[in-house]
Each structure stands twice: as C-alpha cells, then as structure tokens.
Amino acid sequence: MAKEKVIQFLGEAAKNQGLKDKLQTIKSQDELTSLAKEEGFEFSAEHIDEALEELKQQPGFFGKLAEAIAEVFSPDHDNAPPSIGVQPYSSDG
C-alpha cells in the first residue's frame, strides 16, 4: 500500500507547481520522505525504491520519470552534467 502512496505523491507533484518546486530542492530519499509526510503522504525510502522499480516497467512518461528520479538519488550522482564533467585546474589562463 505504501508503494502506491509514493506513486500518488509523484502524481500530485506533477499537478502542483509549488510541490514540484519543493521537489527540485530535494537531495536525498530522507528529504523526500519528510516532504511527502508534510504533504500527507507517508512512506519509507524502501517504498520509494519499490515504486520506482514498478514505474520503470511502464512505457513512456512514467518509465522515464522513474529512471530520472532513480538517477538523482543514485549514490554516484553529481550535479555536473555529463557533457561538462569536472575540469582540471590550469593556471595557464
């Protein structure tokens, strides 16, 4: 049942610009569960993982959404776009 709460929460965020803006500042699953609880949706980080796995199986938008969310919360995620990466320091210029 809690897995469905995650999906409902993400659906609500898709419709609510204020909630969507708050989601863009989230940096961890713990922050996500806290925000969801404030909005009346209670679930754990484990339920997020379960919901994302289910959503990844969906064609189209929801599958892509789940993949994007999973990427944001992956342990090796950094905030630099892959095309930029980390540039070495050079004092030549």
PDB file of N, CA and C in Angstrom:
ATOM      1  N   MET A   1       0.817  -1.202   0.000  1.00  0.00           N
ATOM      2  CA  MET A   1       0.000   0.000   0.000  1.00  0.00           C
ATOM      3  C   MET A   1       0.856   1.260   0.000  1.00  0.00           C
ATOM      4  N   ALA A   2       1.966   1.238   0.720  1.00  0.00           N
ATOM      5  CA  ALA A   2       2.804   2.437   0.786  1.00  0.00           C
ATOM      6  C   ALA A   2       3.445   2.741  -0.565  1.00  0.00           C
ATOM      7  N   LYS A   3       3.711   1.699  -1.347  1.00  0.00           N
ATOM      8  CA  LYS A   3       4.261   1.902  -2.689  1.00  0.00           C
ATOM      9  C   LYS A   3       3.299   2.752  -3.519  1.00  0.00           C
ATOM     10  N   GLU A   4       2.010   2.497  -3.365  1.00  0.00           N
ATOM     11  CA  GLU A   4       1.004   3.274  -4.080  1.00  0.00           C
ATOM     12  C   GLU A   4       0.992   4.719  -3.599  1.00  0.00           C
ATOM     13  N   LYS A   5       1.309   4.930  -2.319  1.00  0.00           N
ATOM     14  CA  LYS A   5       1.383   6.297  -1.778  1.00  0.00           C
ATOM     15  C   LYS A   5       2.493   7.083  -2.473  1.00  0.00           C
ATOM     16  N   VAL A   6       3.605   6.426  -2.759  1.00  0.00           N
ATOM     17  CA  VAL A   6       4.708   7.081  -3.474  1.00  0.00           C
ATOM     18  C   VAL A   6       4.222   7.524  -4.849  1.00  0.00           C
ATOM     19  N   ILE A   7       3.536   6.634  -5.544  1.00  0.00           N
ATOM     20  CA  ILE A   7       3.038   6.935  -6.882  1.00  0.00           C
ATOM     21  C   ILE A   7       2.010   8.061  -6.827  1.00  0.00           C
ATOM     22  N   GLN A   8       1.141   8.037  -5.824  1.00  0.00           N
ATOM     23  CA  GLN A   8       0.164   9.115  -5.656  1.00  0.00           C
ATOM     24  C   GLN A   8       0.862  10.448  -5.392  1.00  0.00           C
ATOM     25  N   PHE A   9       1.895  10.420  -4.552  1.00  0.00           N
ATOM     26  CA  PHE A   9       2.643  11.630  -4.232  1.00  0.00           C
ATOM     27  C   PHE A   9       3.293  12.208  -5.491  1.00  0.00           C
ATOM     28  N   LEU A  10       3.930  11.365  -6.291  1.00  0.00           N
ATOM     29  CA  LEU A  10       4.555  11.841  -7.522  1.00  0.00           C
ATOM     30  C   LEU A  10       3.516  12.384  -8.497  1.00  0.00           C
ATOM     31  N   GLY A  11       2.345  11.756  -8.526  1.00  0.00           N
ATOM     32  CA  GLY A  11       1.256  12.252  -9.360  1.00  0.00           C
ATOM     33  C   GLY A  11       0.778  13.613  -8.899  1.00  0.00           C
ATOM     34  N   GLU A  12       0.672  13.793  -7.590  1.00  0.00           N
ATOM     35  CA  GLU A  12       0.283  15.089  -7.034  1.00  0.00           C
ATOM     36  C   GLU A  12       1.329  16.144  -7.368  1.00  0.00           C
ATOM     37  N   ALA A  13       2.596  15.780  -7.275  1.00  0.00           N
ATOM     38  CA  ALA A  13       3.679  16.719  -7.588  1.00  0.00           C
ATOM     39  C   ALA A  13       3.629  17.149  -9.054  1.00  0.00           C
ATOM     40  N   ALA A  14       3.214  16.249  -9.920  1.00  0.00           N
ATOM     41  CA  ALA A  14       3.116  16.583 -11.340  1.00  0.00           C
ATOM     42  C   ALA A  14       2.042  17.634 -11.594  1.00  0.00           C
ATOM     43  N   LYS A  15       1.021  17.686 -10.734  1.00  0.00           N
ATOM     44  CA  LYS A  15      -0.085  18.635 -10.904  1.00  0.00           C
ATOM     45  C   LYS A  15       0.103  19.924 -10.118  1.00  0.00           C
ATOM     46  N   ASN A  16       0.965  19.915  -9.102  1.00  0.00           N
ATOM     47  CA  ASN A  16       1.074  21.022  -8.156  1.00  0.00           C
ATOM     48  C   ASN A  16       2.435  21.705  -8.314  1.00  0.00           C
ATOM     49  N   GLN A  17       2.444  22.911  -8.895  1.00  0.00           N
ATOM     50  CA  GLN A  17       3.703  23.600  -9.176  1.00  0.00           C
ATOM     51  C   GLN A  17       4.492  23.895  -7.900  1.00  0.00           C
ATOM     52  N   GLY A  18       3.822  24.255  -6.816  1.00  0.00           N
ATOM     53  CA  GLY A  18       4.520  24.520  -5.560  1.00  0.00           C
ATOM     54  C   GLY A  18       5.238  23.288  -5.044  1.00  0.00           C
ATOM     55  N   LEU A  19       4.577  22.161  -5.108  1.00  0.00           N
ATOM     56  CA  LEU A  19       5.180  20.902  -4.676  1.00  0.00           C
ATOM     57  C   LEU A  19       6.310  20.503  -5.622  1.00  0.00           C
ATOM     58  N   LYS A  20       6.100  20.723  -6.907  1.00  0.00           N
ATOM     59  CA  LYS A  20       7.134  20.418  -7.896  1.00  0.00           C
ATOM     60  C   LYS A  20       8.397  21.245  -7.614  1.00  0.00           C
ATOM     61  N   ASP A  21       8.216  22.519  -7.260  1.00  0.00           N
ATOM     62  CA  ASP A  21       9.358  23.378  -6.934  1.00  0.00           C
ATOM     63  C   ASP A  21      10.103  22.863  -5.710  1.00  0.00           C
ATOM     64  N   LYS A  22       9.358  22.419  -4.702  1.00  0.00           N
ATOM     65  CA  LYS A  22       9.989  21.863  -3.499  1.00  0.00           C
ATOM     66  C   LYS A  22      10.775  20.600  -3.834  1.00  0.00           C
ATOM     67  N   LEU A  23      10.223  19.769  -4.710  1.00  0.00           N
ATOM     68  CA  LEU A  23      10.895  18.526  -5.095  1.00  0.00           C
ATOM     69  C   LEU A  23      12.243  18.789  -5.762  1.00  0.00           C
ATOM     70  N   GLN A  24      12.343  19.900  -6.458  1.00  0.00           N
ATOM     71  CA  GLN A  24      13.587  20.200  -7.160  1.00  0.00           C
ATOM     72  C   GLN A  24      14.734  20.508  -6.206  1.00  0.00           C
ATOM     73  N   THR A  25      14.423  20.782  -4.938  1.00  0.00           N
ATOM     74  CA  THR A  25      15.479  21.073  -3.961  1.00  0.00           C
ATOM     75  C   THR A  25      15.883  19.844  -3.156  1.00  0.00           C
ATOM     76  N   ILE A  26      15.180  18.732  -3.335  1.00  0.00           N
ATOM     77  CA  ILE A  26      15.420  17.510  -2.571  1.00  0.00           C
ATOM     78  C   ILE A  26      16.744  16.881  -2.982  1.00  0.00           C
ATOM     79  N   LYS A  27      17.524  16.471  -1.990  1.00  0.00           N
ATOM     80  CA  LYS A  27      18.837  15.883  -2.269  1.00  0.00           C
ATOM     81  C   LYS A  27      18.973  14.438  -1.781  1.00  0.00           C
ATOM     82  N   SER A  28      17.986  13.924  -1.055  1.00  0.00           N
ATOM     83  CA  SER A  28      18.087  12.551  -0.545  1.00  0.00           C
ATOM     84  C   SER A  28      16.694  11.953  -0.409  1.00  0.00           C
ATOM     85  N   GLN A  29      16.660  10.634  -0.267  1.00  0.00           N
ATOM     86  CA  GLN A  29      15.378   9.967  -0.056  1.00  0.00           C
ATOM     87  C   GLN A  29      14.778  10.361   1.286  1.00  0.00           C
ATOM     88  N   ASP A  30      15.618  10.623   2.286  1.00  0.00           N
ATOM     89  CA  ASP A  30      15.093  11.053   3.585  1.00  0.00           C
ATOM     90  C   ASP A  30      14.381  12.394   3.468  1.00  0.00           C
ATOM     91  N   GLU A  31      14.962  13.321   2.701  1.00  0.00           N
ATOM     92  CA  GLU A  31      14.306  14.609   2.481  1.00  0.00           C
ATOM     93  C   GLU A  31      12.993  14.420   1.724  1.00  0.00           C
ATOM     94  N   LEU A  32      12.992  13.491   0.777  1.00  0.00           N
ATOM     95  CA  LEU A  32      11.779  13.216   0.010  1.00  0.00           C
ATOM     96  C   LEU A  32      10.684  12.661   0.908  1.00  0.00           C
ATOM     97  N   THR A  33      11.033  11.720   1.788  1.00  0.00           N
ATOM     98  CA  THR A  33      10.013  11.147   2.675  1.00  0.00           C
ATOM     99  C   THR A  33       9.498  12.196   3.653  1.00  0.00           C
ATOM    100  N   SER A  34      10.358  13.106   4.096  1.00  0.00           N
ATOM    101  CA  SER A  34       9.922  14.178   5.004  1.00  0.00           C
ATOM    102  C   SER A  34       8.957  15.128   4.304  1.00  0.00           C
ATOM    103  N   LEU A  35       9.292  15.525   3.080  1.00  0.00           N
ATOM    104  CA  LEU A  35       8.410  16.406   2.317  1.00  0.00           C
ATOM    105  C   LEU A  35       7.071  15.725   2.065  1.00  0.00           C
ATOM    106  N   ALA A  36       7.121  14.468   1.684  1.00  0.00           N
ATOM    107  CA  ALA A  36       5.882  13.731   1.426  1.00  0.00           C
ATOM    108  C   ALA A  36       5.011  13.687   2.678  1.00  0.00           C
ATOM    109  N   LYS A  37       5.629  13.457   3.828  1.00  0.00           N
ATOM    110  CA  LYS A  37       4.874  13.396   5.082  1.00  0.00           C
ATOM    111  C   LYS A  37       4.205  14.737   5.369  1.00  0.00           C
ATOM    112  N   GLU A  38       4.925  15.842   5.108  1.00  0.00           N
ATOM    113  CA  GLU A  38       4.342  17.177   5.284  1.00  0.00           C
ATOM    114  C   GLU A  38       3.109  17.357   4.402  1.00  0.00           C
ATOM    115  N   GLU A  39       3.123  16.706   3.253  1.00  0.00           N
ATOM    116  CA  GLU A  39       2.023  16.827   2.291  1.00  0.00           C
ATOM    117  C   GLU A  39       0.939  15.770   2.499  1.00  0.00           C
ATOM    118  N   GLY A  40       1.095  14.929   3.538  1.00  0.00           N
ATOM    119  CA  GLY A  40       0.073  13.939   3.858  1.00  0.00           C
ATOM    120  C   GLY A  40       0.283  12.564   3.248  1.00  0.00           C
ATOM    121  N   PHE A  41       1.486  12.297   2.736  1.00  0.00           N
ATOM    122  CA  PHE A  41       1.808  11.007   2.135  1.00  0.00           C
ATOM    123  C   PHE A  41       2.916  10.378   2.961  1.00  0.00           C
ATOM    124  N   GLU A  42       2.626   9.269   3.622  1.00  0.00           N
ATOM    125  CA  GLU A  42       3.634   8.641   4.473  1.00  0.00           C
ATOM    126  C   GLU A  42       4.127   7.335   3.861  1.00  0.00           C
ATOM    127  N   PHE A  43       5.455   7.278   3.644  1.00  0.00           N
ATOM    128  CA  PHE A  43       6.107   6.085   3.120  1.00  0.00           C
ATOM    129  C   PHE A  43       7.587   6.152   3.461  1.00  0.00           C
ATOM    130  N   SER A  44       8.275   5.024   3.261  1.00  0.00           N
ATOM    131  CA  SER A  44       9.701   4.942   3.594  1.00  0.00           C
ATOM    132  C   SER A  44      10.551   4.967   2.323  1.00  0.00           C
ATOM    133  N   ALA A  45      11.857   5.073   2.516  1.00  0.00           N
ATOM    134  CA  ALA A  45      12.789   5.038   1.387  1.00  0.00           C
ATOM    135  C   ALA A  45      12.668   3.713   0.635  1.00  0.00           C
ATOM    136  N   GLU A  46      12.431   2.622   1.361  1.00  0.00           N
ATOM    137  CA  GLU A  46      12.257   1.317   0.713  1.00  0.00           C
ATOM    138  C   GLU A  46      11.059   1.327  -0.226  1.00  0.00           C
ATOM    139  N   HIS A  47       9.993   2.015   0.182  1.00  0.00           N
ATOM    140  CA  HIS A  47       8.805   2.099  -0.661  1.00  0.00           C
ATOM    141  C   HIS A  47       9.096   2.915  -1.921  1.00  0.00           C
ATOM    142  N   ILE A  48       9.976   3.924  -1.805  1.00  0.00           N
ATOM    143  CA  ILE A  48      10.364   4.705  -2.984  1.00  0.00           C
ATOM    144  C   ILE A  48      11.033   3.786  -3.994  1.00  0.00           C
ATOM    145  N   ASP A  49      11.969   2.975  -3.510  1.00  0.00           N
ATOM    146  CA  ASP A  49      12.672   2.048  -4.402  1.00  0.00           C
ATOM    147  C   ASP A  49      11.702   1.087  -5.079  1.00  0.00           C
ATOM    148  N   GLU A  50      10.750   0.548  -4.313  1.00  0.00           N
ATOM    149  CA  GLU A  50       9.763  -0.381  -4.872  1.00  0.00           C
ATOM    150  C   GLU A  50       8.914   0.300  -5.941  1.00  0.00           C
ATOM    151  N   ALA A  51       8.468   1.524  -5.649  1.00  0.00           N
ATOM    152  CA  ALA A  51       7.625   2.249  -6.600  1.00  0.00           C
ATOM    153  C   ALA A  51       8.399   2.577  -7.872  1.00  0.00           C
ATOM    154  N   LEU A  52       9.654   2.979  -7.720  1.00  0.00           N
ATOM    155  CA  LEU A  52      10.456   3.310  -8.897  1.00  0.00           C
ATOM    156  C   LEU A  52      10.688   2.091  -9.775  1.00  0.00           C
ATOM    157  N   GLU A  53      10.922   0.944  -9.149  1.00  0.00           N
ATOM    158  CA  GLU A  53      11.098  -0.281  -9.933  1.00  0.00           C
ATOM    159  C   GLU A  53       9.835  -0.593 -10.727  1.00  0.00           C
ATOM    160  N   GLU A  54       8.679  -0.414 -10.097  1.00  0.00           N
ATOM    161  CA  GLU A  54       7.419  -0.673 -10.793  1.00  0.00           C
ATOM    162  C   GLU A  54       7.211   0.334 -11.917  1.00  0.00           C
ATOM    163  N   LEU A  55       7.490   1.608 -11.638  1.00  0.00           N
ATOM    164  CA  LEU A  55       7.291   2.640 -12.650  1.00  0.00           C
ATOM    165  C   LEU A  55       8.248   2.482 -13.828  1.00  0.00           C
ATOM    166  N   LYS A  56       9.454   1.993 -13.571  1.00  0.00           N
ATOM    167  CA  LYS A  56      10.418   1.798 -14.663  1.00  0.00           C
ATOM    168  C   LYS A  56       9.885   0.830 -15.709  1.00  0.00           C
ATOM    169  N   GLN A  57       9.001  -0.059 -15.295  1.00  0.00           N
ATOM    170  CA  GLN A  57       8.436  -1.048 -16.211  1.00  0.00           C
ATOM    171  C   GLN A  57       7.345  -0.451 -17.097  1.00  0.00           C
ATOM    172  N   GLN A  58       6.878   0.745 -16.749  1.00  0.00           N
ATOM    173  CA  GLN A  58       5.808   1.383 -17.509  1.00  0.00           C
ATOM    174  C   GLN A  58       6.383   2.032 -18.770  1.00  0.00           C
ATOM    175  N   PRO A  59       5.656   1.952 -19.859  1.00  0.00           N
ATOM    176  CA  PRO A  59       6.131   2.611 -21.081  1.00  0.00           C
ATOM    177  C   PRO A  59       5.951   4.123 -20.985  1.00  0.00           C
ATOM    178  N   GLY A  60       6.707   4.831 -21.761  1.00  0.00           N
ATOM    179  CA  GLY A  60       6.507   6.265 -21.904  1.00  0.00           C
ATOM    180  C   GLY A  60       6.939   7.091 -20.717  1.00  0.00           C
ATOM    181  N   PHE A  61       6.117   8.085 -20.416  1.00  0.00           N
ATOM    182  CA  PHE A  61       6.451   9.111 -19.438  1.00  0.00           C
ATOM    183  C   PHE A  61       6.830   8.554 -18.079  1.00  0.00           C
ATOM    184  N   PHE A  62       6.025   7.668 -17.523  1.00  0.00           N
ATOM    185  CA  PHE A  62       6.276   7.196 -16.162  1.00  0.00           C
ATOM    186  C   PHE A  62       7.563   6.386 -16.062  1.00  0.00           C
ATOM    187  N   GLY A  63       7.871   5.619 -17.078  1.00  0.00           N
ATOM    188  CA  GLY A  63       9.135   4.889 -17.083  1.00  0.00           C
ATOM    189  C   GLY A  63      10.318   5.833 -17.096  1.00  0.00           C
ATOM    190  N   LYS A  64      10.236   6.870 -17.919  1.00  0.00           N
ATOM    191  CA  LYS A  64      11.318   7.859 -17.991  1.00  0.00           C
ATOM    192  C   LYS A  64      11.415   8.651 -16.689  1.00  0.00           C
ATOM    193  N   LEU A  65      10.267   8.976 -16.099  1.00  0.00           N
ATOM    194  CA  LEU A  65      10.257   9.686 -14.821  1.00  0.00           C
ATOM    195  C   LEU A  65      10.948   8.864 -13.747  1.00  0.00           C
ATOM    196  N   ALA A  66      10.632   7.591 -13.670  1.00  0.00           N
ATOM    197  CA  ALA A  66      11.247   6.722 -12.664  1.00  0.00           C
ATOM    198  C   ALA A  66      12.751   6.634 -12.860  1.00  0.00           C
ATOM    199  N   GLU A  67      13.190   6.526 -14.105  1.00  0.00           N
ATOM    200  CA  GLU A  67      14.628   6.471 -14.368  1.00  0.00           C
ATOM    201  C   GLU A  67      15.308   7.766 -13.954  1.00  0.00           C
ATOM    202  N   ALA A  68      14.666   8.904 -14.219  1.00  0.00           N
ATOM    203  CA  ALA A  68      15.246  10.197 -13.842  1.00  0.00           C
ATOM    204  C   ALA A  68      15.342  10.336 -12.328  1.00  0.00           C
ATOM    205  N   ILE A  69      14.302   9.921 -11.622  1.00  0.00           N
ATOM    206  CA  ILE A  69      14.315  10.004 -10.160  1.00  0.00           C
ATOM    207  C   ILE A  69      15.380   9.080  -9.593  1.00  0.00           C
ATOM    208  N   ALA A  70      15.472   7.887 -10.134  1.00  0.00           N
ATOM    209  CA  ALA A  70      16.489   6.943  -9.659  1.00  0.00           C
ATOM    210  C   ALA A  70      17.891   7.507  -9.881  1.00  0.00           C
ATOM    211  N   GLU A  71      18.107   8.180 -10.990  1.00  0.00           N
ATOM    212  CA  GLU A  71      19.414   8.780 -11.280  1.00  0.00           C
ATOM    213  C   GLU A  71      19.743   9.879 -10.271  1.00  0.00           C
ATOM    214  N   VAL A  72      18.770  10.710  -9.945  1.00  0.00           N
ATOM    215  CA  VAL A  72      19.006  11.802  -8.995  1.00  0.00           C
ATOM    216  C   VAL A  72      19.421  11.261  -7.639  1.00  0.00           C
ATOM    217  N   PHE A  73      18.816  10.162  -7.208  1.00  0.00           N
ATOM    218  CA  PHE A  73      19.094   9.622  -5.883  1.00  0.00           C
ATOM    219  C   PHE A  73      20.168   8.539  -5.881  1.00  0.00           C
ATOM    220  N   SER A  74      20.817   8.312  -7.017  1.00  0.00           N
ATOM    221  CA  SER A  74      21.871   7.300  -7.032  1.00  0.00           C
ATOM    222  C   SER A  74      23.089   7.801  -6.268  1.00  0.00           C
ATOM    223  N   PRO A  75      23.828   6.900  -5.625  1.00  0.00           N
ATOM    224  CA  PRO A  75      24.972   7.304  -4.797  1.00  0.00           C
ATOM    225  C   PRO A  75      26.082   7.998  -5.572  1.00  0.00           C
ATOM    226  N   ASP A  76      26.207   7.706  -6.857  1.00  0.00           N
ATOM    227  CA  ASP A  76      27.294   8.312  -7.622  1.00  0.00           C
ATOM    228  C   ASP A  76      26.857   9.543  -8.403  1.00  0.00           C
ATOM    229  N   HIS A  77      25.679  10.066  -8.097  1.00  0.00           N
ATOM    230  CA  HIS A  77      25.165  11.239  -8.792  1.00  0.00           C
ATOM    231  C   HIS A  77      25.932  12.479  -8.351  1.00  0.00           C
ATOM    232  N   ASP A  78      26.427  13.214  -9.327  1.00  0.00           N
ATOM    233  CA  ASP A  78      26.964  14.535  -9.021  1.00  0.00           C
ATOM    234  C   ASP A  78      26.130  15.541  -9.797  1.00  0.00           C
ATOM    235  N   ASN A  79      26.269  16.788  -9.490  1.00  0.00           N
ATOM    236  CA  ASN A  79      25.412  17.801 -10.091  1.00  0.00           C
ATOM    237  C   ASN A  79      25.952  18.346 -11.411  1.00  0.00           C
ATOM    238  N   ALA A  80      27.090  17.890 -11.858  1.00  0.00           N
ATOM    239  CA  ALA A  80      27.649  18.359 -13.120  1.00  0.00           C
ATOM    240  C   ALA A  80      27.080  17.542 -14.269  1.00  0.00           C
ATOM    241  N   PRO A  81      26.574  18.217 -15.295  1.00  0.00           N
ATOM    242  CA  PRO A  81      26.087  17.467 -16.453  1.00  0.00           C
ATOM    243  C   PRO A  81      27.217  16.660 -17.069  1.00  0.00           C
ATOM    244  N   PRO A  82      26.917  15.494 -17.625  1.00  0.00           N
ATOM    245  CA  PRO A  82      27.967  14.638 -18.186  1.00  0.00           C
ATOM    246  C   PRO A  82      28.795  15.335 -19.259  1.00  0.00           C
ATOM    247  N   SER A  83      28.188  16.263 -19.991  1.00  0.00           N
ATOM    248  CA  SER A  83      28.925  16.938 -21.052  1.00  0.00           C
ATOM    249  C   SER A  83      29.965  17.910 -20.504  1.00  0.00           C
ATOM    250  N   ILE A  84      29.796  18.327 -19.252  1.00  0.00           N
ATOM    251  CA  ILE A  84      30.728  19.275 -18.648  1.00  0.00           C
ATOM    252  C   ILE A  84      31.767  18.532 -17.831  1.00  0.00           C
ATOM    253  N   GLY A  85      31.301  17.714 -16.915  1.00  0.00           N
ATOM    254  CA  GLY A  85      32.218  16.970 -16.057  1.00  0.00           C
ATOM    255  C   GLY A  85      33.052  17.898 -15.197  1.00  0.00           C
ATOM    256  N   VAL A  86      34.083  17.358 -14.605  1.00  0.00           N
ATOM    257  CA  VAL A  86      34.977  18.138 -13.764  1.00  0.00           C
ATOM    258  C   VAL A  86      36.215  18.454 -14.584  1.00  0.00           C
ATOM    259  N   GLN A  87      36.503  19.720 -14.707  1.00  0.00           N
ATOM    260  CA  GLN A  87      37.658  20.149 -15.484  1.00  0.00           C
ATOM    261  C   GLN A  87      38.866  20.317 -14.576  1.00  0.00           C
ATOM    262  N   PRO A  88      40.019  19.860 -15.004  1.00  0.00           N
ATOM    263  CA  PRO A  88      41.218  20.040 -14.178  1.00  0.00           C
ATOM    264  C   PRO A  88      41.591  21.511 -14.099  1.00  0.00           C
ATOM    265  N   TYR A  89      42.167  21.893 -12.987  1.00  0.00           N
ATOM    266  CA  TYR A  89      42.599  23.272 -12.790  1.00  0.00           C
ATOM    267  C   TYR A  89      43.839  23.540 -13.625  1.00  0.00           C
ATOM    268  N   SER A  90      43.845  24.665 -14.262  1.00  0.00           N
ATOM    269  CA  SER A  90      45.019  25.060 -15.033  1.00  0.00           C
ATOM    270  C   SER A  90      45.284  26.528 -14.774  1.00  0.00           C
ATOM    271  N   SER A  91      46.486  26.868 -14.444  1.00  0.00           N
ATOM    272  CA  SER A  91      46.827  28.268 -14.175  1.00  0.00           C
ATOM    273  C   SER A  91      47.325  28.964 -15.436  1.00  0.00           C
ATOM    274  N   ASP A  92      47.152  28.329 -16.588  1.00  0.00           N
ATOM    275  CA  ASP A  92      47.651  28.893 -17.840  1.00  0.00           C
ATOM    276  C   ASP A  92      46.808  30.047 -18.362  1.00  0.00           C
ATOM    277  N   GLY A  93      45.650  30.243 -17.814  1.00  0.00           N
ATOM    278  CA  GLY A  93      44.841  31.232 -18.482  1.00  0.00           C
ATOM    279  C   GLY A  93      44.113  32.086 -17.601  1.00  0.00           C
TER     280      GLY A  93
END
